[in-house]
């Protein structure tokens, strides 16, 4: 317990009442108290005169438990942490019990904070080791996962991924329901959210029919989980996604895009014109709705935020749209070329700075579709 005294009055009171023998006391004058640090968790008994010192008054506001040695009313001080007043008429037994209780609570609180700090440091060490292991898993996944090629009723889809050093990761997958082809690309700096996306998408793939309501429910669940987890984090969790439904009959494309995804086409125009790059916690999901239509013979390259960050650092001697427009170049070769450009300056077994994902869709020129 700390005593901030004036003319030794507080200490004399504690000495005469016998409280000085029962409790461990640290006596400080005004100057010493002003210069002290790291004491805000301690129980303090302060002389009322000391509260007239503006600097000291501001300092005492940070303390959690304060007794004031006074003869005046507490209404003259704007201090929420005052737990009692002490004067010559105070019942010594009641005061002793009260100080003992708060002193014990303060001591336990300090021990708990120390334990939490230790746990936090240990957890940081564990998470550091986990991240190292997850980077190894990323690399293994990249090496063992071949380029995916799928054909859906005249729409060929090719996907490729390359691991990055950044925390979290990117995820992409394609699912063919009875009515639509469903494409999901996501990027986050949280392994927990990445795991949640994977688990939720696995549930979605169990459905035979996917419509806009289903898609909204799926995405809203991911957003809600992210916002909820954000409440316990010092650093904001990043979440970006592109969730699109492609109707193979009408060639209509619709869905929701949050973040820095790009959709380049073989006719040198963006798939979604005038699209705003919203953040998941800035707007409602409906504001992120997009709609367009693809045509026969068209090629579309969808690239992830990580891909785009990596690509922005390069100066290739070609424009991606030129590769897409050149029908003599196979889509698989286009995918290989852009990833070669991303990785050509890397040393063996070196990661990209960010995870990179890319998906190419090519519509068969002879496929029959609704007008």
Protein backbone atom coordinates (compact mmCIF):
# COMPACT_ATOMS: atom_id res chain seq x y z
CA UNK A 1 0.00 0.00 0.00
CA UNK A 2 1.28 3.47 -0.91
CA UNK A 3 0.84 6.56 1.28
CA UNK A 4 1.11 9.95 -0.45
CA UNK A 5 1.51 12.19 2.58
CA UNK A 6 1.51 15.83 3.60
CA UNK A 7 3.27 16.91 6.80
CA UNK A 8 3.41 13.24 7.86
CA UNK A 9 -0.27 13.35 8.90
CA UNK A 10 -1.38 10.16 7.14
CA UNK A 11 1.50 8.08 8.47
CA UNK A 12 0.95 9.34 12.03
CA UNK A 13 -2.70 8.30 11.76
CA UNK A 14 -1.75 4.79 10.59
CA UNK A 15 0.91 4.54 13.28
CA UNK A 16 -1.33 5.61 16.18
CA UNK A 17 -4.19 3.33 15.02
CA UNK A 18 -1.92 0.30 14.75
CA UNK A 19 -2.59 -0.08 11.02
CA UNK A 20 1.07 0.59 10.20
CA UNK A 21 2.00 -2.66 11.95
CA UNK A 22 -0.58 -4.72 10.08
CA UNK A 23 0.03 -3.48 6.54
CA UNK A 24 3.15 -2.98 4.47
CA UNK A 25 3.40 0.75 3.76
CA UNK A 26 5.47 2.73 1.26
CA UNK A 27 5.61 6.45 2.10
CA UNK A 28 6.02 8.97 -0.75
CA UNK A 29 5.93 12.73 -0.81
CA UNK A 30 4.32 14.63 -3.68
CA UNK A 31 7.52 14.98 -5.74
CA UNK A 32 8.44 11.31 -5.43
CA UNK A 33 4.93 10.21 -6.36
CA UNK A 34 4.90 12.43 -9.46
CA UNK A 35 8.12 10.79 -10.71
CA UNK A 36 7.03 7.21 -9.94
CA UNK A 37 5.97 4.73 -12.65
CA UNK A 38 4.21 1.38 -12.80
CA UNK A 39 2.22 1.85 -9.59
CA UNK A 40 -1.32 2.27 -10.94
CA UNK A 41 -2.34 -1.20 -9.71
CA UNK A 42 -1.38 -0.41 -6.11
CA UNK A 43 -3.75 0.60 -3.33
CA UNK A 44 -3.16 4.30 -2.48
CA UNK A 45 -3.96 6.44 0.55
CA UNK A 46 -3.51 10.11 -0.37
CA UNK A 47 -3.78 13.27 1.69
CA UNK A 48 -6.54 15.59 0.45
CA UNK A 49 -4.15 18.53 0.15
CA UNK A 50 -2.10 16.60 -2.42
CA UNK A 51 -5.10 16.53 -4.73
CA UNK A 52 -4.77 20.30 -5.18
CA UNK A 53 -1.60 19.58 -7.18
CA UNK A 54 -2.87 19.49 -10.80
CA UNK A 55 -0.05 17.29 -12.09
CA UNK A 56 -0.46 14.84 -9.24
CA UNK A 57 -4.24 14.89 -9.63
CA UNK A 58 -3.97 13.86 -13.29
CA UNK A 59 -1.59 11.06 -12.33
CA UNK A 60 -3.84 9.71 -9.59
CA UNK A 61 -6.70 9.37 -12.10
CA UNK A 62 -4.97 6.30 -13.54
CA UNK A 63 -5.05 4.46 -10.20
CA UNK A 64 -7.76 1.88 -9.58
CA UNK A 65 -8.19 2.01 -5.77
CA UNK A 66 -7.81 5.18 -3.70
CA UNK A 67 -8.48 6.15 -0.09
CA UNK A 68 -8.47 9.88 0.66
CA UNK A 69 -7.35 11.18 4.07
CA UNK A 70 -9.78 14.08 4.41
CA UNK A 71 -12.34 15.97 6.37
CA UNK A 72 -14.26 17.21 3.33
CA UNK A 73 -16.85 15.69 1.02
CA UNK A 74 -15.72 13.50 -1.93
CA UNK A 75 -17.97 15.48 -4.26
CA UNK A 76 -15.22 18.05 -4.71
CA UNK A 77 -13.03 15.50 -6.56
CA UNK A 78 -13.82 13.99 -9.93
CA UNK A 79 -12.26 10.62 -9.19
CA UNK A 80 -14.19 7.43 -9.94
CA UNK A 81 -11.61 5.27 -8.20
CA UNK A 82 -12.17 6.61 -4.64
CA UNK A 83 -13.25 3.66 -2.49
CA UNK A 84 -13.34 5.40 0.89
CA UNK A 85 -12.57 8.42 3.07
CA UNK A 86 -10.36 8.32 6.15
CA UNK A 87 -10.42 10.77 9.05
CA UNK A 88 -10.04 10.73 12.82
CA UNK A 89 -13.64 9.55 13.25
CA UNK A 90 -13.28 6.50 10.98
CA UNK A 91 -13.92 3.13 12.67
CA UNK A 92 -10.47 1.48 12.76
CA UNK A 93 -11.78 -2.08 12.61
CA UNK A 94 -13.99 -1.38 9.58
CA UNK A 95 -11.16 0.49 7.87
CA UNK A 96 -8.73 -2.35 8.61
CA UNK A 97 -11.08 -4.91 7.08
CA UNK A 98 -11.69 -2.72 4.04
CA UNK A 99 -7.98 -2.09 3.41
CA UNK A 100 -7.24 -5.79 3.91
CA UNK A 101 -9.88 -6.74 1.36
CA UNK A 102 -8.71 -4.27 -1.31
CA UNK A 103 -5.05 -4.98 -0.62
CA UNK A 104 -5.73 -8.67 -1.16
CA UNK A 105 -7.71 -7.98 -4.36
CA UNK A 106 -4.91 -5.76 -5.68
CA UNK A 107 -2.29 -8.40 -4.95
CA UNK A 108 -4.32 -11.12 -6.68
CA UNK A 109 -4.92 -8.83 -9.66
CA UNK A 110 -1.17 -8.21 -10.01
CA UNK A 111 -0.46 -11.93 -9.88
CA UNK A 112 -3.15 -12.61 -12.48
CA UNK A 113 -1.77 -9.92 -14.82
CA UNK A 114 1.70 -11.39 -14.43
CA UNK A 115 0.37 -14.85 -15.27
CA UNK A 116 -1.53 -13.51 -18.28
CA UNK A 117 1.60 -11.76 -19.52
CA UNK A 118 3.55 -15.00 -19.20
CA UNK A 119 0.82 -16.92 -21.03
CA UNK A 120 0.74 -14.27 -23.76
CA UNK A 121 4.50 -14.54 -24.27
CA UNK A 122 4.32 -18.32 -24.36
CA UNK A 123 1.40 -18.16 -26.80
CA UNK A 124 3.34 -15.77 -29.04
CA UNK A 125 6.22 -18.25 -29.11
CA UNK A 126 3.84 -21.10 -29.94
CA UNK A 127 2.13 -19.09 -32.69
CA UNK A 128 5.53 -18.21 -34.14
CA UNK A 129 6.37 -21.90 -34.37
CA UNK A 130 2.93 -22.67 -35.80
CA UNK A 131 3.40 -20.07 -38.54
CA UNK A 132 6.74 -21.61 -39.49
CA UNK A 133 5.11 -25.03 -39.76
CA UNK A 134 2.18 -23.63 -41.75
CA UNK A 135 4.59 -22.04 -44.22
CA UNK A 136 6.10 -25.48 -44.72
CA UNK A 137 2.60 -26.89 -45.32
CA UNK A 138 1.93 -24.11 -47.85
CA UNK A 139 5.04 -25.04 -49.78
CA UNK A 140 4.18 -28.73 -49.68
CA UNK A 141 0.65 -27.94 -50.88
CA UNK A 142 2.02 -25.88 -53.77
CA UNK A 143 4.44 -28.62 -54.83
CA UNK A 144 1.94 -31.47 -54.59
CA UNK A 145 -1.09 -29.66 -55.98
CA UNK A 146 -1.08 -29.70 -59.80
CA UNK A 147 -2.80 -27.11 -61.95
CA UNK A 148 -6.52 -27.83 -61.91
CA UNK A 149 -8.38 -28.12 -65.18
CA UNK A 150 -12.14 -28.58 -65.17
CA UNK A 151 -14.73 -28.44 -67.95
CA UNK A 152 -18.32 -27.41 -67.19
CA UNK A 153 -20.71 -27.62 -70.14
CA UNK A 154 -18.58 -25.61 -72.55
CA UNK A 155 -16.75 -23.51 -69.96
CA UNK A 156 -13.21 -24.62 -69.25
CA UNK A 157 -11.70 -23.51 -65.93
CA UNK A 158 -8.00 -23.63 -65.03
CA UNK A 159 -6.59 -22.71 -61.61
CA UNK A 160 -3.13 -22.25 -60.17
CA UNK A 161 -1.70 -21.27 -56.78
CA UNK A 162 1.71 -20.31 -55.42
CA UNK A 163 2.58 -19.97 -51.74
CA UNK A 164 3.67 -16.71 -50.10
CA UNK A 165 5.42 -15.76 -46.88
CA UNK A 166 2.50 -13.66 -45.61
CA UNK A 167 0.47 -14.77 -42.60
CA UNK A 168 -2.91 -16.39 -43.30
CA UNK A 169 -3.45 -17.40 -46.87
CA UNK A 170 -5.58 -17.61 -49.96
CA UNK A 171 -8.15 -20.21 -50.83
CA UNK A 172 -10.00 -20.95 -54.04
CA UNK A 173 -12.35 -23.66 -55.21
CA UNK A 174 -15.00 -24.37 -57.83
CA UNK A 175 -18.22 -26.27 -57.37
CA UNK A 176 -20.80 -27.31 -59.97
CA UNK A 177 -24.33 -27.26 -58.68
CA UNK A 178 -27.36 -28.21 -60.80
CA UNK A 179 -28.08 -24.60 -61.73
CA UNK A 180 -24.74 -22.78 -61.50
CA UNK A 181 -20.98 -23.03 -61.46
CA UNK A 182 -19.81 -21.55 -58.18
CA UNK A 183 -16.36 -19.93 -57.95
CA UNK A 184 -14.89 -18.80 -54.63
CA UNK A 185 -11.59 -16.97 -54.15
CA UNK A 186 -10.61 -15.64 -50.73
CA UNK A 187 -7.71 -13.95 -48.99
CA UNK A 188 -7.15 -13.34 -45.28
CA UNK A 189 -4.32 -12.73 -42.83
CA UNK A 190 -5.93 -15.04 -40.24
CA UNK A 191 -5.44 -18.79 -40.21
CA UNK A 192 -8.62 -19.12 -38.14
CA UNK A 193 -10.73 -17.31 -40.73
CA UNK A 194 -9.06 -19.24 -43.55
CA UNK A 195 -9.98 -22.47 -41.77
CA UNK A 196 -13.55 -21.23 -41.27
CA UNK A 197 -13.88 -20.41 -44.99
CA UNK A 198 -12.67 -23.88 -45.92
CA UNK A 199 -15.08 -25.58 -43.50
CA UNK A 200 -18.05 -23.44 -44.57
CA UNK A 201 -17.35 -23.96 -48.27
CA UNK A 202 -17.18 -27.72 -47.71
CA UNK A 203 -20.72 -27.52 -46.33
CA UNK A 204 -21.83 -25.46 -49.32
CA UNK A 205 -20.50 -28.08 -51.73
CA UNK A 206 -22.94 -30.57 -50.24
CA UNK A 207 -25.82 -28.57 -51.75
CA UNK A 208 -27.23 -29.46 -55.17
CA UNK A 209 -28.80 -26.06 -55.74
CA UNK A 210 -27.13 -22.69 -55.02
CA UNK A 211 -28.92 -19.38 -55.52
CA UNK A 212 -28.32 -15.80 -54.42
CA UNK A 213 -29.93 -16.31 -50.99
CA UNK A 214 -27.70 -19.32 -50.33
CA UNK A 215 -24.65 -17.36 -51.40
CA UNK A 216 -25.51 -14.38 -49.20
CA UNK A 217 -26.02 -16.63 -46.17
CA UNK A 218 -22.66 -18.31 -46.79
CA UNK A 219 -20.79 -15.01 -47.08
CA UNK A 220 -22.58 -13.33 -44.19
CA UNK A 221 -21.56 -16.20 -41.93
CA UNK A 222 -17.89 -15.66 -42.85
CA UNK A 223 -18.16 -11.88 -42.34
CA UNK A 224 -19.87 -12.31 -38.95
CA UNK A 225 -17.19 -14.72 -37.76
CA UNK A 226 -14.48 -12.28 -38.84
CA UNK A 227 -16.09 -9.29 -37.10
CA UNK A 228 -16.59 -11.36 -33.94
CA UNK A 229 -12.95 -12.49 -33.94
CA UNK A 230 -11.83 -8.91 -34.61
CA UNK A 231 -13.23 -7.86 -31.23
CA UNK A 232 -10.48 -9.83 -29.48
CA UNK A 233 -7.63 -8.73 -31.76
CA UNK A 234 -5.33 -5.71 -31.57
CA UNK A 235 -4.69 -5.84 -35.31
CA UNK A 236 -7.61 -5.84 -37.72
CA UNK A 237 -8.22 -9.09 -39.57
CA UNK A 238 -8.14 -8.68 -43.31
CA UNK A 239 -10.78 -10.48 -45.34
CA UNK A 240 -11.29 -10.32 -49.10
CA UNK A 241 -13.40 -12.58 -51.27
CA UNK A 242 -14.90 -13.02 -54.69
CA UNK A 243 -17.88 -15.36 -54.74
CA UNK A 244 -19.41 -15.75 -58.19
CA UNK A 245 -22.14 -17.83 -59.77
CA UNK A 246 -21.85 -18.56 -63.51
CA UNK A 247 -24.91 -19.80 -65.35
CA UNK A 248 -23.57 -22.11 -68.09
CA UNK A 249 -26.76 -21.76 -70.12
CA UNK A 250 -27.21 -17.98 -70.17
CA UNK A 251 -23.53 -17.13 -69.46
CA UNK A 252 -24.65 -14.64 -66.83
CA UNK A 253 -22.19 -14.03 -64.00
CA UNK A 254 -23.30 -12.61 -60.65
CA UNK A 255 -22.10 -12.57 -57.07
CA UNK A 256 -20.26 -10.53 -54.48
CA UNK A 257 -16.75 -9.11 -54.45
CA UNK A 258 -15.00 -7.56 -51.45
CA UNK A 259 -11.40 -6.45 -51.87
CA UNK A 260 -8.70 -6.21 -54.52
CA UNK A 261 -9.61 -8.89 -57.05
CA UNK A 262 -9.15 -8.28 -60.76
CA UNK A 263 -10.97 -9.79 -63.73
CA UNK A 264 -9.14 -9.25 -67.00
CA UNK A 265 -10.75 -10.34 -70.28
CA UNK A 266 -9.60 -11.20 -73.80
CA UNK A 267 -11.52 -8.22 -75.19
CA UNK A 268 -9.42 -5.78 -73.10
CA UNK A 269 -12.23 -4.68 -70.79
CA UNK A 270 -12.92 -5.40 -67.15
CA UNK A 271 -15.56 -8.04 -66.53
CA UNK A 272 -17.24 -5.80 -63.97
CA UNK A 273 -17.18 -2.15 -64.98
CA UNK A 274 -16.92 0.63 -62.37
CA UNK A 275 -16.64 -1.81 -59.47
CA UNK A 276 -15.82 -0.26 -56.09
CA UNK A 277 -13.26 -2.07 -53.92
CA UNK A 278 -15.15 -2.23 -50.62
CA UNK A 279 -13.93 -3.47 -47.23
CA UNK A 280 -16.07 -6.16 -45.53
CA UNK A 281 -16.76 -3.97 -42.48
CA UNK A 282 -17.57 -0.77 -44.40
CA UNK A 283 -20.66 -1.70 -46.39
CA UNK A 284 -23.49 -4.19 -46.44
CA UNK A 285 -23.08 -7.29 -48.55
CA UNK A 286 -25.67 -6.07 -51.07
CA UNK A 287 -23.44 -3.07 -51.89
CA UNK A 288 -20.78 -5.51 -53.10
CA UNK A 289 -23.11 -7.20 -55.60
CA UNK A 290 -21.82 -7.51 -59.18
CA UNK A 291 -23.38 -8.75 -62.39
CA UNK A 292 -22.14 -9.23 -65.94
CA UNK A 293 -22.28 -11.55 -68.92
CA UNK A 294 -19.56 -13.47 -70.70
CA UNK A 295 -19.63 -14.49 -74.35
CA UNK A 296 -18.58 -17.41 -76.54
CA UNK A 297 -14.85 -17.58 -77.15
CA UNK A 298 -14.11 -15.15 -74.33
CA UNK A 299 -11.32 -15.68 -71.82
CA UNK A 300 -11.37 -14.25 -68.30
CA UNK A 301 -8.43 -14.23 -65.89
CA UNK A 302 -9.39 -13.78 -62.23
CA UNK A 303 -6.48 -12.85 -59.97
CA UNK A 304 -6.33 -12.68 -56.17
CA UNK A 305 -5.20 -9.75 -53.98
CA UNK A 306 -1.93 -11.55 -53.27
CA UNK A 307 -1.31 -12.16 -56.97
CA UNK A 308 -1.97 -8.49 -57.72
CA UNK A 309 0.39 -7.28 -54.98
CA UNK A 310 3.16 -9.53 -56.26
CA UNK A 311 2.46 -8.54 -59.90
CA UNK A 312 2.53 -4.80 -59.12
CA UNK A 313 6.24 -5.11 -58.31
CA UNK A 314 7.09 -6.49 -61.75
CA UNK A 315 7.71 -4.86 -65.12
CA UNK A 316 6.90 -7.63 -67.63
CA UNK A 317 7.34 -6.96 -71.34
CA UNK A 318 3.76 -7.94 -72.14
CA UNK A 319 0.18 -7.10 -71.17
CA UNK A 320 -1.86 -9.99 -69.78
CA UNK A 321 -4.86 -9.06 -71.92
CA UNK A 322 -2.71 -9.55 -75.04
CA UNK A 323 -2.02 -13.13 -74.01
CA UNK A 324 -5.72 -13.72 -73.36
CA UNK A 325 -6.68 -12.30 -76.75
CA UNK A 326 -4.15 -14.39 -78.68
CA UNK A 327 -6.03 -17.61 -79.48
CA UNK A 328 -2.81 -19.27 -80.63
CA UNK A 329 -1.66 -19.29 -76.99
CA UNK A 330 -3.28 -21.99 -74.89
CA UNK A 331 -4.90 -20.97 -71.62
CA UNK A 332 -2.63 -23.36 -69.74
CA UNK A 333 0.41 -21.64 -71.25
CA UNK A 334 -0.92 -18.25 -70.19
CA UNK A 335 -1.25 -19.46 -66.62
CA UNK A 336 2.25 -20.90 -66.69
CA UNK A 337 3.70 -17.70 -68.14
CA UNK A 338 2.25 -15.32 -65.57
CA UNK A 339 3.40 -17.51 -62.68
CA UNK A 340 6.83 -17.84 -64.28
CA UNK A 341 7.04 -14.04 -64.30
CA UNK A 342 6.07 -13.93 -60.61
CA UNK A 343 8.73 -16.43 -59.58
CA UNK A 344 11.62 -16.00 -62.01
CA UNK A 345 13.64 -13.78 -59.64
CA UNK A 346 13.17 -16.08 -56.64
CA UNK A 347 15.84 -18.41 -55.36
CA UNK A 348 15.19 -22.14 -55.12
CA UNK A 349 12.55 -22.99 -52.47
CA UNK A 350 11.89 -19.29 -51.87
CA UNK A 351 8.33 -18.08 -51.33
CA UNK A 352 6.57 -15.21 -53.01
CA UNK A 353 5.92 -12.26 -50.72
CA UNK A 354 2.18 -13.00 -50.80
CA UNK A 355 0.08 -16.04 -51.67
CA UNK A 356 -1.00 -15.85 -55.30
CA UNK A 357 -4.04 -17.46 -56.92
CA UNK A 358 -5.30 -17.20 -60.50
CA UNK A 359 -8.28 -18.70 -62.30
CA UNK A 360 -8.80 -18.66 -66.09
CA UNK A 361 -12.22 -19.29 -67.59
CA UNK A 362 -12.59 -19.94 -71.33
CA UNK A 363 -15.96 -20.19 -73.03
CA UNK A 364 -16.10 -22.64 -75.94
CA UNK A 365 -16.78 -20.79 -79.21
CA UNK A 366 -19.07 -23.56 -80.43
CA UNK A 367 -20.97 -24.14 -77.21
CA UNK A 368 -24.74 -23.69 -77.29
CA UNK A 369 -26.03 -21.11 -74.87
CA UNK A 370 -29.24 -19.19 -74.34
CA UNK A 371 -29.38 -15.86 -76.12
